[in-house]
Amino acid sequence: MVSALLLLLFLCDNVQENVDTTGIRRIMSMQKAALFIDGANLFYTQRHLGWQIDFSRLMLYFTNRYTVVSARYYVPSPDPPSEDQVAFNRVLITHGFEIISKPVKKIVNRDTGEIIMKGNLDIELAVDAMLTEHQFEVFVLFSGDSDFLPLIMAMQMKGKTVSVFSTRGISARELYSGSDMDFHDISLMAVEMSQSQSGGSGTDLDYLNARLPEPGERFTGSVLSVKAYGIFLVNPYHVKCLLPLSFLGVTERIADLASIVRMGDLFDVAVFAVDTSHDVPQITVKLSDRHMSEELERRVRALS
């Protein structure tokens, strides 16, 4: 029985090596990757860069290259969490990330009375990586913290490919100076990962790798930008997506849309129209969440 199984595995390996179909070979050869994101470190990285990461595009970047088995985002959280934090967490979950958090601790210096906020999750990240290392071949770390060097070395000793994503200048030199270190500078990856300011949610070529929706199809989009005439949404199709002012389901007059829409808001929408006459397809959507319509109406009245 064991011999037959070994023969079958041998034949499967030979089949994989001799397949001429590029697509099949690509699927079979895609390595399993796990993403571990140091949320606090990434927050300061984005502040340094001056642009925000689009987490739907970040996920697409990796799913186009690997079989992503997990994507964990480690972040300290105030207790209770703020409204913006809750909304941001929903954005992460919508795009396939698992959130690992713990409350921020307040530590009082007895000598000075100074209050220090502490919420480090480095140990949790390292422990999770070690406990799940059998699930992946590629260890992807988003952090510029040198405290992770022992973890990186441990992963390399276990035969894992290690890829570190951060930015030179604010990252520990040890993370990008080693000859065996696969370091990716996020500052050079705005085209692949940033929230576009042109009104779309991706580059002109992103839509070639994604399916276009059908009218009536529903999805949840996060805020990309707000204009006087509507809200541009980050969407799973990576095309320009507009939620017009007239499709918000709000009866009150909205004098300033930007004053009532928050960047952490999520909109459950239905596709109204798909326009492929432009270089980059565009979709128009309608808000299908009655509770969000009521919430926007409440915000309008609060400002009047």
Protein backbone atom coordinates (compact mmCIF):
# COMPACT_ATOMS: atom_id res chain seq x y z
CA MET A 1 0.00 0.00 0.00
CA VAL A 2 2.82 2.39 0.95
CA SER A 3 4.73 1.49 -2.23
CA ALA A 4 1.67 2.21 -4.35
CA LEU A 5 1.23 5.57 -2.65
CA LEU A 6 4.88 6.48 -3.23
CA LEU A 7 4.53 5.48 -6.90
CA LEU A 8 1.44 7.67 -7.23
CA LEU A 9 3.24 10.64 -5.68
CA PHE A 10 6.20 10.08 -8.02
CA LEU A 11 3.91 10.02 -11.06
CA CYS A 12 2.14 13.19 -9.88
CA ASP A 13 5.49 14.95 -9.54
CA ASN A 14 6.43 13.92 -13.07
CA VAL A 15 3.08 15.11 -14.41
CA GLN A 16 3.57 18.48 -12.73
CA GLU A 17 7.04 18.83 -14.26
CA ASN A 18 5.86 17.96 -17.79
CA VAL A 19 2.64 19.99 -17.98
CA ASP A 20 2.83 22.45 -20.86
CA THR A 21 -0.25 24.46 -19.94
CA THR A 22 1.09 27.67 -18.41
CA GLY A 23 -1.99 28.37 -16.32
CA ILE A 24 -2.08 24.91 -14.73
CA ARG A 25 1.66 25.00 -14.05
CA ARG A 26 1.30 28.41 -12.42
CA ILE A 27 -1.49 27.22 -10.12
CA MET A 28 0.40 24.06 -9.16
CA SER A 29 3.62 25.99 -8.52
CA MET A 30 2.15 28.79 -6.40
CA GLN A 31 3.67 28.60 -2.94
CA LYS A 32 1.62 28.82 0.24
CA ALA A 33 2.17 32.14 1.99
CA ALA A 34 1.12 33.55 5.35
CA LEU A 35 0.97 37.29 6.00
CA PHE A 36 1.85 38.70 9.42
CA ILE A 37 1.27 42.45 9.74
CA ASP A 38 2.57 44.55 12.62
CA GLY A 39 -0.32 47.03 12.56
CA ALA A 40 1.25 49.68 14.79
CA ASN A 41 4.47 49.67 12.76
CA LEU A 42 2.55 49.81 9.48
CA PHE A 43 0.52 52.77 10.76
CA TYR A 44 3.68 54.83 11.30
CA THR A 45 5.06 53.65 7.96
CA GLN A 46 1.97 54.98 6.18
CA ARG A 47 2.23 58.28 8.05
CA HIS A 48 5.86 58.55 6.94
CA LEU A 49 4.96 57.77 3.32
CA GLY A 50 2.05 60.19 3.17
CA TRP A 51 -0.32 57.73 1.49
CA GLN A 52 -2.67 55.03 2.70
CA ILE A 53 -2.58 51.35 1.81
CA ASP A 54 -5.63 49.95 0.03
CA PHE A 55 -6.05 46.61 1.79
CA SER A 56 -8.12 45.09 -1.01
CA ARG A 57 -5.26 45.78 -3.43
CA LEU A 58 -2.70 44.55 -0.91
CA MET A 59 -4.56 41.25 -0.69
CA LEU A 60 -4.82 41.06 -4.49
CA TYR A 61 -1.06 41.68 -4.75
CA PHE A 62 -0.37 38.54 -2.73
CA THR A 63 -3.16 36.31 -4.08
CA ASN A 64 -1.80 36.95 -7.59
CA ARG A 65 1.56 35.58 -6.46
CA TYR A 66 0.82 32.99 -3.79
CA THR A 67 -1.80 30.75 -2.29
CA VAL A 68 -2.51 32.87 0.78
CA VAL A 69 -3.33 30.53 3.67
CA SER A 70 -3.70 33.28 6.28
CA ALA A 71 -3.41 37.04 6.68
CA ARG A 72 -3.16 38.29 10.25
CA TYR A 73 -3.21 41.93 11.31
CA TYR A 74 -1.88 42.58 14.83
CA VAL A 75 -3.00 45.83 16.42
CA PRO A 76 -3.43 47.21 19.95
CA SER A 77 -6.92 48.49 20.60
CA PRO A 78 -8.25 51.09 23.04
CA ASP A 79 -10.78 49.75 25.53
CA PRO A 80 -13.47 50.35 24.51
CA PRO A 81 -12.42 50.62 20.82
CA SER A 82 -13.19 53.89 19.07
CA GLU A 83 -15.79 54.12 16.33
CA ASP A 84 -13.04 54.65 13.75
CA GLN A 85 -11.17 51.57 14.99
CA VAL A 86 -14.30 49.43 14.74
CA ALA A 87 -14.94 50.69 11.21
CA PHE A 88 -11.33 50.05 10.17
CA ASN A 89 -11.51 46.53 11.58
CA ARG A 90 -14.59 45.90 9.46
CA VAL A 91 -12.67 47.02 6.38
CA LEU A 92 -9.87 44.55 7.17
CA ILE A 93 -12.30 41.69 7.76
CA THR A 94 -14.15 42.51 4.53
CA HIS A 95 -10.90 42.06 2.60
CA GLY A 96 -9.96 38.75 4.22
CA PHE A 97 -7.72 39.75 7.12
CA GLU A 98 -7.92 38.22 10.59
CA ILE A 99 -7.50 40.76 13.39
CA ILE A 100 -5.52 39.89 16.50
CA SER A 101 -5.74 42.62 19.13
CA LYS A 102 -5.44 43.28 22.82
CA PRO A 103 -6.37 46.34 24.90
CA VAL A 104 -3.86 49.14 25.26
CA LYS A 105 -2.46 49.25 28.80
CA LYS A 106 -1.93 52.47 30.73
CA ILE A 107 1.29 52.39 32.74
CA VAL A 108 1.92 55.21 35.23
CA ASN A 109 5.50 56.23 35.99
CA ARG A 110 5.57 56.44 39.80
CA ASP A 111 8.35 59.02 39.80
CA THR A 112 7.03 61.44 37.19
CA GLY A 113 3.33 60.58 37.06
CA GLU A 114 3.65 60.27 33.29
CA ILE A 115 1.13 57.92 31.67
CA ILE A 116 2.61 55.59 29.06
CA MET A 117 0.37 53.72 26.64
CA LYS A 118 1.60 50.19 25.89
CA GLY A 119 0.12 47.74 23.42
CA ASN A 120 2.86 45.63 21.85
CA LEU A 121 1.82 42.42 20.09
CA ASP A 122 5.28 41.30 18.91
CA ILE A 123 5.21 38.17 21.07
CA GLU A 124 1.73 37.20 19.87
CA LEU A 125 2.85 37.55 16.25
CA ALA A 126 6.00 35.50 16.81
CA VAL A 127 4.17 32.73 18.69
CA ASP A 128 1.46 32.48 16.02
CA ALA A 129 4.10 32.29 13.29
CA MET A 130 5.93 29.46 15.03
CA LEU A 131 2.75 27.52 15.83
CA THR A 132 1.46 27.69 12.25
CA GLU A 133 4.75 27.38 10.33
CA HIS A 134 3.73 23.95 9.01
CA GLN A 135 0.92 25.62 7.03
CA PHE A 136 3.06 27.83 4.79
CA GLU A 137 6.23 27.97 2.72
CA VAL A 138 6.59 31.76 2.52
CA PHE A 139 6.65 33.92 5.65
CA VAL A 140 5.60 37.50 4.81
CA LEU A 141 6.26 40.09 7.52
CA PHE A 142 5.08 43.70 7.44
CA SER A 143 7.30 45.44 10.00
CA GLY A 144 10.50 47.42 10.30
CA ASP A 145 11.16 46.34 13.88
CA SER A 146 14.51 44.65 14.55
CA ASP A 147 12.90 42.71 17.42
CA PHE A 148 11.65 40.31 14.75
CA LEU A 149 15.17 39.32 13.62
CA PRO A 150 15.23 36.16 15.82
CA LEU A 151 11.86 35.13 14.35
CA ILE A 152 13.13 35.75 10.82
CA MET A 153 16.23 33.66 11.48
CA ALA A 154 14.08 30.89 12.96
CA MET A 155 11.88 30.86 9.87
CA GLN A 156 14.92 30.69 7.59
CA MET A 157 16.34 27.80 9.64
CA LYS A 158 13.05 25.97 9.10
CA GLY A 159 13.51 26.37 5.34
CA LYS A 160 10.93 29.11 4.87
CA THR A 161 11.24 31.86 2.29
CA VAL A 162 11.09 35.15 4.22
CA SER A 163 9.85 38.39 2.67
CA VAL A 164 9.91 41.60 4.70
CA PHE A 165 7.83 44.64 3.71
CA SER A 166 8.70 48.02 5.23
CA THR A 167 10.49 51.23 4.27
CA ARG A 168 14.16 52.12 4.31
CA GLY A 169 14.95 55.02 6.61
CA ILE A 170 12.45 54.04 9.28
CA SER A 171 13.26 50.32 9.36
CA ALA A 172 16.08 48.61 11.21
CA ARG A 173 19.10 48.38 8.91
CA GLU A 174 19.47 44.67 9.70
CA LEU A 175 16.17 43.99 7.91
CA TYR A 176 17.41 45.14 4.51
CA SER A 177 21.22 45.05 4.63
CA GLY A 178 21.67 41.28 4.74
CA SER A 179 22.46 39.56 1.44
CA ASP A 180 19.98 36.78 2.21
CA MET A 181 17.15 39.16 3.13
CA ASP A 182 14.24 39.52 0.69
CA PHE A 183 13.30 43.11 1.54
CA HIS A 184 10.52 45.02 -0.24
CA ASP A 185 10.45 48.80 0.17
CA ILE A 186 6.79 49.85 0.50
CA SER A 187 7.70 53.41 -0.55
CA LEU A 188 8.34 52.05 -4.06
CA MET A 189 5.05 50.15 -4.22
CA ALA A 190 2.47 52.94 -4.30
CA VAL A 191 1.29 51.81 -7.74
CA GLU A 192 0.48 48.33 -6.41
CA MET A 193 -0.84 49.15 -2.95
CA SER A 194 -1.91 52.75 -2.48
CA GLN A 195 -5.40 54.16 -2.37
CA SER A 196 -5.56 55.95 -5.73
CA GLN A 197 -6.58 59.61 -5.61
CA SER A 198 -7.91 59.57 -9.19
CA GLY A 199 -11.33 58.29 -8.16
CA GLY A 200 -10.72 54.62 -8.91
CA SER A 201 -9.51 51.92 -6.60
CA GLY A 202 -6.71 50.47 -8.68
CA THR A 203 -4.34 50.96 -11.57
CA ASP A 204 -5.46 50.99 -15.19
CA LEU A 205 -4.51 47.32 -15.51
CA ASP A 206 -6.01 45.98 -12.28
CA TYR A 207 -9.38 45.29 -13.89
CA LEU A 208 -7.77 42.85 -16.35
CA ASN A 209 -7.14 40.50 -13.42
CA ALA A 210 -10.61 40.82 -11.92
CA ARG A 211 -14.13 39.87 -12.99
CA LEU A 212 -16.58 42.66 -13.76
CA PRO A 213 -19.89 42.53 -11.85
CA GLU A 214 -23.38 42.10 -13.23
CA PRO A 215 -26.13 44.67 -12.53
CA GLY A 216 -27.84 43.78 -9.27
CA GLU A 217 -24.73 42.15 -7.80
CA ARG A 218 -24.05 43.19 -4.21
CA PHE A 219 -20.83 43.88 -2.33
CA THR A 220 -19.47 45.94 0.55
CA GLY A 221 -17.22 48.88 -0.32
CA SER A 222 -15.07 51.16 1.82
CA VAL A 223 -14.57 54.88 1.23
CA LEU A 224 -11.86 55.88 -1.23
CA SER A 225 -12.75 59.54 -1.68
CA VAL A 226 -15.75 61.84 -1.33
CA LYS A 227 -16.84 64.36 -3.95
CA ALA A 228 -19.77 66.78 -3.97
CA TYR A 229 -21.67 64.47 -6.32
CA GLY A 230 -20.99 61.12 -4.66
CA ILE A 231 -18.66 58.66 -2.96
CA PHE A 232 -15.96 56.67 -4.73
CA LEU A 233 -15.63 53.22 -3.19
CA VAL A 234 -12.86 50.66 -2.90
CA ASN A 235 -14.35 47.57 -4.53
CA PRO A 236 -13.41 43.93 -5.22
CA TYR A 237 -13.40 44.53 -9.00
CA HIS A 238 -10.62 47.17 -8.89
CA VAL A 239 -12.45 49.57 -11.19
CA LYS A 240 -13.79 53.08 -10.76
CA CYS A 241 -16.86 52.76 -8.54
CA LEU A 242 -19.24 55.66 -7.82
CA LEU A 243 -22.06 55.76 -5.30
CA PRO A 244 -23.93 58.91 -6.45
CA LEU A 245 -25.43 61.35 -3.99
CA SER A 246 -28.89 60.60 -5.40
CA PHE A 247 -28.49 56.86 -4.66
CA LEU A 248 -27.85 57.23 -0.92
CA GLY A 249 -31.52 56.95 0.01
CA VAL A 250 -31.40 60.17 2.03
CA THR A 251 -34.42 62.48 1.84
CA GLU A 252 -32.80 65.40 3.67
CA ARG A 253 -30.88 67.91 1.55
CA ILE A 254 -27.13 67.24 1.77
CA ALA A 255 -25.22 70.51 1.45
CA ASP A 256 -21.78 69.02 2.09
CA LEU A 257 -21.42 65.27 1.52
CA ALA A 258 -17.87 65.18 2.87
CA SER A 259 -19.11 66.44 6.25
CA ILE A 260 -21.32 63.39 6.85
CA VAL A 261 -19.21 60.59 5.33
CA ARG A 262 -16.40 59.10 7.41
CA MET A 263 -13.41 57.31 5.93
CA GLY A 264 -14.16 54.27 8.09
CA ASP A 265 -17.73 53.90 6.78
CA LEU A 266 -18.68 50.71 4.94
CA PHE A 267 -21.42 50.73 2.30
CA ASP A 268 -23.46 47.67 1.33
CA VAL A 269 -24.35 48.42 -2.28
CA ALA A 270 -25.91 46.89 -5.37
CA VAL A 271 -24.47 47.39 -8.85
CA PHE A 272 -26.74 49.67 -10.89
CA ALA A 273 -24.76 49.99 -14.13
CA VAL A 274 -21.49 48.81 -15.68
CA ASP A 275 -19.80 51.08 -18.24
CA THR A 276 -17.02 49.50 -20.33
CA SER A 277 -16.72 52.32 -22.87
CA HIS A 278 -13.72 53.84 -21.08
CA ASP A 279 -10.13 52.62 -20.82
CA VAL A 280 -10.90 51.56 -17.26
CA PRO A 281 -14.41 50.17 -16.67
CA GLN A 282 -16.67 52.15 -14.37
CA ILE A 283 -19.54 50.94 -12.22
CA THR A 284 -22.35 52.90 -10.62
CA VAL A 285 -23.90 51.50 -7.46
CA LYS A 286 -26.91 52.16 -5.21
CA LEU A 287 -26.89 51.97 -1.43
CA SER A 288 -28.87 48.91 -0.36
CA ASP A 289 -28.36 49.26 3.39
CA ARG A 290 -31.39 50.95 4.96
CA HIS A 291 -29.60 51.35 8.29
CA MET A 292 -26.73 53.26 6.64
CA SER A 293 -29.23 55.52 4.84
CA GLU A 294 -30.86 56.26 8.19
CA GLU A 295 -27.45 56.89 9.78
CA LEU A 296 -26.52 59.37 7.03
CA GLU A 297 -29.88 61.08 7.47
CA ARG A 298 -29.22 61.36 11.20
CA ARG A 299 -25.82 62.96 10.53
CA VAL A 300 -27.39 65.49 8.15
CA ARG A 301 -29.97 66.52 10.75
CA ALA A 302 -27.26 66.80 13.41
CA LEU A 303 -25.47 69.39 11.27
CA SER A 304 -28.57 71.47 10.54
